[in-house]
Amino acid sequence: MTKMSAVTLGIAIALPSIAGAQPESRAASSSPPPASTTSPIAAGESGWTQAPEPSPPVAAAPEPASAAPAPTAGLPAPQPAPAQTTAPAPAMAATTGSSAAAAAPISDEPPTLFSSRSMKVGGYGALGVRYARINGNDGVVTGLEGALLLDHKFAIGLAAYSWANQERVAAAGNFAHPYLHYGYGGLLIRYHVYVPNSPVYFSAAALVGGGAVALTNTWDGNVYQENSDIFFVLEPQLGVHVNFTRWLRAGLDAGYRVHSGVGKFGYTESDFNGLSLGGNLAFGWF
C-alpha cells in the first residue's frame, strides 16, 4: 500500500509538469521558422521538417568543343575539310575616272598603237578648200580626204588636191600652152589630240605622195606624158577641228608643200613650194 501510494504520488506530481511543457512546444512549433541556410530542424524536436529554400538558377556552362577524334592505330588520320570560301560579289562599276583607273589591272607591257584589246573603228570623208600660191599666182586648191579612224585618234587614208584657177598662166614665157594644170595627192596620216571635255581639238598630219604639172592649149585640154611633168611632194599639216555631232565636224588647217623632181617647161620646185591655208567639212563617224 505504501509503495502504490508513493507511485501514485509521483505520477500526480509529474503529470502537471508534462502537461505544461506540451503547450509550450506546440506554441514554439506554430511560429514560422526564421530564414536561414542551416539544416532543417530535427523531427524529434518539432515533429515536422522545413523544406529547403529554392536555390537561384545557375546559367548552364557552354559545352566544350568536341575534340577531334584520335586517329585509330593503323589508319591515316582524317584530313580536315577545306574551308569553304564564298566568291565575293562583283563590285559595282566605278562612276569616276579615278576609281576606274584604280580598279584597272596594272600591266608591265608598253602602250602600243595596235593591241589585243577591242579597238573603236570609225571613218570620215572631207571636202577641203585652201588658198595657195602657184608659180607666182594666187589661187585656190580644192581637195578630197578620206580616212579610217582608229580609237578616235589615229587616221590613215588618202587625200588629193587640184589647182582650181582657170587663168592663163605662162610657163617661163612659153605662150604656146597657156593653161597650167596642177595637182597632187597621196597617203595621209593624221593624229588627233583632244582637249578634255571640249568639242574642240587639234591634229597633226602629213601627206606623202606625188603629183603632176601640165600645160594645155585649152582649159579642158587633155594631159599626156608629153605635156606634163611628174614630181614628188611632202606636205606636213596642222589643224584645229570642232565636232558638231558624232557625224559632222569642221576644221581649219595649214600646210606647207615641198616638191622634188620638177624640171620641165622651165619650172623649178620653188615655183610650187609654199604655204596653203584653208578649211574643210567632214562627214563620218568620229
Protein backbone atom coordinates (compact mmCIF):
# COMPACT_ATOMS: atom_id res chain seq x y z
CA MET A 1 0.00 0.00 0.00
CA THR A 2 2.79 2.27 0.86
CA LYS A 3 4.57 1.54 -2.46
CA MET A 4 1.43 2.19 -4.55
CA SER A 5 0.83 5.48 -2.74
CA ALA A 6 4.34 6.59 -3.48
CA VAL A 7 3.97 5.68 -7.18
CA THR A 8 0.61 7.39 -7.36
CA LEU A 9 2.01 10.45 -5.75
CA GLY A 10 4.93 10.57 -8.22
CA ILE A 11 2.62 10.27 -11.21
CA ALA A 12 0.39 13.04 -9.84
CA ILE A 13 3.40 15.29 -9.46
CA ALA A 14 4.76 14.52 -12.95
CA LEU A 15 1.53 14.99 -14.91
CA PRO A 16 1.16 18.73 -14.34
CA SER A 17 4.76 19.34 -15.46
CA ILE A 18 4.31 17.29 -18.62
CA ALA A 19 1.02 18.97 -19.37
CA GLY A 20 2.58 22.41 -19.03
CA ALA A 21 5.52 21.57 -21.31
CA GLN A 22 3.40 20.36 -24.25
CA PRO A 23 1.61 23.70 -24.91
CA GLU A 24 4.93 25.50 -24.92
CA SER A 25 6.42 23.17 -27.50
CA ARG A 26 3.29 23.44 -29.62
CA ALA A 27 3.40 27.23 -29.46
CA ALA A 28 7.02 27.20 -30.46
CA SER A 29 6.33 24.91 -33.36
CA SER A 30 3.41 27.05 -34.62
CA SER A 31 5.58 30.16 -35.17
CA PRO A 32 7.28 30.33 -38.65
CA PRO A 33 10.90 29.35 -38.61
CA PRO A 34 13.44 32.11 -39.23
CA ALA A 35 15.02 32.24 -42.69
CA SER A 36 18.38 30.61 -42.59
CA THR A 37 20.56 28.35 -44.61
CA THR A 38 21.10 25.96 -41.71
CA SER A 39 19.98 22.37 -41.80
CA PRO A 40 16.27 21.65 -41.10
CA ILE A 41 15.08 21.08 -37.53
CA ALA A 42 15.20 17.51 -36.46
CA ALA A 43 11.89 15.63 -36.43
CA GLY A 44 12.35 14.59 -32.84
CA GLU A 45 12.28 18.19 -31.67
CA SER A 46 9.29 19.73 -33.57
CA GLY A 47 7.58 16.86 -35.26
CA TRP A 48 7.99 18.32 -38.86
CA THR A 49 10.80 19.24 -41.26
CA GLN A 50 11.38 22.55 -43.06
CA ALA A 51 11.53 22.47 -46.92
CA PRO A 52 14.85 23.77 -48.28
CA GLU A 53 14.81 27.19 -49.88
CA PRO A 54 14.95 27.13 -53.74
CA SER A 55 18.41 27.98 -54.96
CA PRO A 56 18.80 30.68 -57.71
CA PRO A 57 19.03 29.37 -61.29
CA VAL A 58 22.55 28.77 -62.50
CA ALA A 59 23.48 29.50 -66.13
CA ALA A 60 24.35 26.39 -67.99
CA ALA A 61 28.04 26.17 -68.78
CA PRO A 62 28.86 26.11 -72.51
CA GLU A 63 29.54 22.71 -73.81
CA PRO A 64 33.20 22.23 -74.57
CA ALA A 65 34.12 21.98 -78.22
CA SER A 66 34.32 18.43 -79.27
CA ALA A 67 37.86 17.41 -79.71
CA ALA A 68 38.94 15.81 -82.93
CA PRO A 69 38.80 12.04 -82.64
CA ALA A 70 42.10 10.46 -82.01
CA PRO A 71 43.45 8.61 -85.03
CA THR A 72 42.93 4.90 -84.96
CA ALA A 73 46.07 2.89 -84.91
CA GLY A 74 46.98 1.66 -88.34
CA LEU A 75 44.67 4.10 -90.18
CA PRO A 76 45.61 7.52 -91.60
CA ALA A 77 44.38 10.48 -89.63
CA PRO A 78 41.30 12.09 -91.19
CA GLN A 79 42.09 15.27 -93.06
CA PRO A 80 40.16 18.38 -92.05
CA ALA A 81 37.59 19.51 -94.57
CA PRO A 82 38.79 22.50 -96.59
CA ALA A 83 37.29 25.79 -95.58
CA GLN A 84 34.54 26.83 -97.93
CA THR A 85 35.16 30.21 -99.44
CA THR A 86 32.41 32.21 -100.99
CA ALA A 87 33.32 34.20 -104.07
CA PRO A 88 32.88 37.91 -103.37
CA ALA A 89 30.03 39.58 -105.13
CA PRO A 90 31.17 41.65 -108.10
CA ALA A 91 31.78 45.21 -107.10
CA MET A 92 29.70 47.91 -108.68
CA ALA A 93 31.33 49.72 -111.58
CA ALA A 94 33.09 52.89 -110.55
CA THR A 95 31.41 56.06 -111.75
CA THR A 96 34.51 58.21 -111.75
CA GLY A 97 37.53 58.02 -113.96
CA SER A 98 39.92 57.87 -110.96
CA SER A 99 38.12 54.86 -109.47
CA ALA A 100 38.06 53.09 -112.83
CA ALA A 101 41.79 53.69 -113.22
CA ALA A 102 42.45 52.33 -109.72
CA ALA A 103 40.43 49.20 -110.46
CA ALA A 104 42.17 48.57 -113.80
CA PRO A 105 44.86 45.90 -113.66
CA ILE A 106 48.40 47.15 -113.87
CA SER A 107 50.35 45.86 -116.87
CA ASP A 108 54.07 46.00 -117.38
CA GLU A 109 53.65 45.99 -121.16
CA PRO A 110 54.42 49.22 -123.02
CA PRO A 111 51.49 51.04 -124.63
CA THR A 112 51.13 50.28 -128.33
CA LEU A 113 49.08 51.62 -131.18
CA PHE A 114 47.75 48.18 -132.12
CA SER A 115 46.95 45.86 -129.21
CA SER A 116 44.77 42.87 -128.44
CA ARG A 117 42.08 44.95 -126.77
CA SER A 118 38.98 45.91 -128.72
CA MET A 119 39.60 48.94 -130.93
CA LYS A 120 37.00 51.54 -131.79
CA VAL A 121 36.83 52.00 -135.54
CA GLY A 122 35.32 54.95 -137.37
CA GLY A 123 35.94 56.88 -140.53
CA TYR A 124 35.19 60.05 -142.42
CA GLY A 125 35.30 61.85 -145.74
CA ALA A 126 36.05 65.55 -146.08
CA LEU A 127 35.85 68.37 -148.62
CA GLY A 128 38.57 71.00 -148.41
CA VAL A 129 39.36 74.40 -149.93
CA ARG A 130 42.72 76.15 -149.49
CA TYR A 131 44.50 79.25 -150.57
CA ALA A 132 47.79 78.57 -152.37
CA ARG A 133 50.33 80.42 -154.47
CA ILE A 134 51.45 78.57 -157.61
CA ASN A 135 54.13 79.91 -159.98
CA GLY A 136 53.74 83.38 -158.51
CA ASN A 137 49.95 83.40 -158.89
CA ASP A 138 47.44 83.42 -156.04
CA GLY A 139 44.69 80.87 -156.33
CA VAL A 140 42.67 78.10 -154.73
CA VAL A 141 43.22 74.37 -154.48
CA THR A 142 40.27 72.11 -153.76
CA GLY A 143 40.61 68.67 -152.31
CA LEU A 144 39.11 65.45 -151.02
CA GLU A 145 40.17 63.48 -147.98
CA GLY A 146 39.04 60.08 -146.76
CA ALA A 147 40.42 58.13 -143.84
CA LEU A 148 39.85 55.28 -141.44
CA LEU A 149 39.71 56.50 -137.83
CA LEU A 150 41.03 54.23 -135.08
CA ASP A 151 40.19 54.87 -131.40
CA HIS A 152 39.05 58.40 -132.35
CA LYS A 153 42.69 59.48 -132.65
CA PHE A 154 44.67 57.87 -135.43
CA ALA A 155 43.53 58.39 -139.02
CA ILE A 156 45.06 56.80 -142.09
CA GLY A 157 43.74 57.39 -145.60
CA LEU A 158 44.15 59.22 -148.87
CA ALA A 159 43.96 62.87 -149.90
CA ALA A 160 44.16 64.72 -153.22
CA TYR A 161 44.21 68.43 -154.19
CA SER A 162 43.92 70.24 -157.51
CA TRP A 163 44.56 73.76 -158.73
CA ALA A 164 41.20 75.38 -159.45
CA ASN A 165 42.19 78.57 -161.25
CA GLN A 166 41.17 78.99 -164.91
CA GLU A 167 43.59 81.80 -165.59
CA ARG A 168 46.10 81.73 -168.38
CA VAL A 169 49.45 81.07 -166.81
CA ALA A 170 52.60 81.49 -168.87
CA ALA A 171 55.33 78.99 -168.10
CA ALA A 172 58.72 80.69 -168.44
CA GLY A 173 57.47 82.73 -171.41
CA ASN A 174 56.02 79.69 -173.24
CA PHE A 175 52.74 81.06 -174.56
CA ALA A 176 52.04 78.11 -176.87
CA HIS A 177 50.42 76.24 -173.98
CA PRO A 178 48.98 78.94 -171.74
CA TYR A 179 46.86 76.82 -169.41
CA LEU A 180 48.53 75.25 -166.40
CA HIS A 181 47.18 72.17 -164.66
CA TYR A 182 48.49 71.24 -161.23
CA GLY A 183 47.52 68.58 -158.74
CA TYR A 184 48.94 66.24 -156.11
CA GLY A 185 47.85 63.57 -153.66
CA GLY A 186 48.97 60.57 -151.67
CA LEU A 187 48.90 58.81 -148.33
CA LEU A 188 47.60 60.87 -145.42
CA ILE A 189 48.35 60.09 -141.79
CA ARG A 190 46.71 62.23 -139.12
CA TYR A 191 46.81 62.12 -135.33
CA HIS A 192 44.23 63.93 -133.20
CA VAL A 193 44.94 65.47 -129.81
CA TYR A 194 41.79 66.00 -127.74
CA VAL A 195 41.09 68.62 -125.09
CA PRO A 196 39.28 67.10 -122.07
CA ASN A 197 35.55 67.86 -122.01
CA SER A 198 35.77 70.05 -125.12
CA PRO A 199 34.44 69.55 -128.67
CA VAL A 200 37.47 71.46 -129.98
CA TYR A 201 40.68 69.53 -130.59
CA PHE A 202 43.84 69.59 -132.70
CA SER A 203 45.58 67.39 -135.22
CA ALA A 204 48.96 66.92 -136.83
CA ALA A 205 49.18 65.28 -140.24
CA ALA A 206 51.49 64.52 -143.12
CA LEU A 207 50.70 63.88 -146.76
CA VAL A 208 53.29 61.88 -148.69
CA GLY A 209 52.78 61.30 -152.39
CA GLY A 210 53.24 62.75 -155.81
CA GLY A 211 51.66 64.95 -158.41
CA ALA A 212 51.98 66.45 -161.85
CA VAL A 213 52.07 69.78 -163.61
CA ALA A 214 50.84 70.02 -167.21
CA LEU A 215 50.31 72.65 -169.90
CA THR A 216 47.47 72.56 -172.44
CA ASN A 217 46.13 74.80 -175.18
CA THR A 218 42.68 74.93 -173.58
CA TRP A 219 41.45 74.67 -170.01
CA ASP A 220 39.81 71.33 -170.61
CA GLY A 221 42.58 70.05 -172.83
CA ASN A 222 43.88 66.53 -172.40
CA VAL A 223 47.00 65.84 -170.40
CA TYR A 224 49.58 63.48 -171.84
CA GLN A 225 53.06 62.46 -170.88
CA GLU A 226 54.50 64.84 -173.43
CA ASN A 227 52.89 67.91 -171.94
CA SER A 228 53.19 67.01 -168.22
CA ASP A 229 55.87 66.69 -165.55
CA ILE A 230 55.64 64.36 -162.54
CA PHE A 231 57.05 65.24 -159.13
CA PHE A 232 57.26 64.05 -155.50
CA VAL A 233 55.50 66.05 -152.77
CA LEU A 234 55.54 66.13 -148.98
CA GLU A 235 53.11 68.31 -147.07
CA PRO A 236 53.08 68.48 -143.24
CA GLN A 237 49.85 69.92 -141.84
CA LEU A 238 48.42 71.27 -138.62
CA GLY A 239 44.70 71.55 -137.97
CA VAL A 240 42.06 72.53 -135.44
CA HIS A 241 38.65 70.87 -135.50
CA VAL A 242 35.28 71.10 -133.82
CA ASN A 243 32.72 68.29 -133.57
CA PHE A 244 29.17 69.49 -134.13
CA THR A 245 27.76 65.96 -133.85
CA ARG A 246 29.13 62.43 -133.88
CA TRP A 247 28.94 62.50 -137.69
CA LEU A 248 29.75 66.13 -138.59
CA ARG A 249 32.84 68.23 -137.96
CA ALA A 250 34.53 71.31 -139.41
CA GLY A 251 38.15 72.35 -139.31
CA LEU A 252 40.84 74.80 -140.28
CA ASP A 253 44.24 73.63 -141.42
CA ALA A 254 47.55 74.88 -142.69
CA GLY A 255 50.24 73.07 -144.64
CA TYR A 256 53.48 73.63 -146.46
CA ARG A 257 54.17 71.90 -149.78
CA VAL A 258 57.66 70.66 -150.55
CA HIS A 259 58.29 69.41 -154.12
CA SER A 260 61.04 67.40 -155.72
CA GLY A 261 61.59 66.40 -159.35
CA VAL A 262 60.15 69.43 -161.16
CA GLY A 263 62.27 70.27 -164.26
CA LYS A 264 60.20 70.61 -167.44
CA PHE A 265 58.73 73.70 -169.12
CA GLY A 266 61.17 75.94 -167.38
CA TYR A 267 59.66 75.30 -163.92
CA THR A 268 61.56 74.61 -160.69
CA GLU A 269 60.48 73.28 -157.28
CA SER A 270 60.42 76.78 -155.85
CA ASP A 271 57.60 77.70 -158.25
CA PHE A 272 55.29 75.25 -156.41
CA ASN A 273 56.68 75.13 -152.89
CA GLY A 274 54.68 77.22 -150.49
CA LEU A 275 52.13 77.65 -147.72
CA SER A 276 48.48 76.72 -148.01
CA LEU A 277 45.69 77.80 -145.67
CA GLY A 278 42.09 76.66 -145.69
CA GLY A 279 39.23 74.80 -144.16
CA ASN A 280 37.32 71.55 -144.50
CA LEU A 281 33.98 69.99 -143.72
CA ALA A 282 33.97 66.32 -142.79
CA PHE A 283 31.22 63.70 -142.57
CA GLY A 284 31.57 60.30 -140.95
CA TRP A 285 31.67 58.64 -137.55
CA PHE A 286 34.15 60.30 -135.20
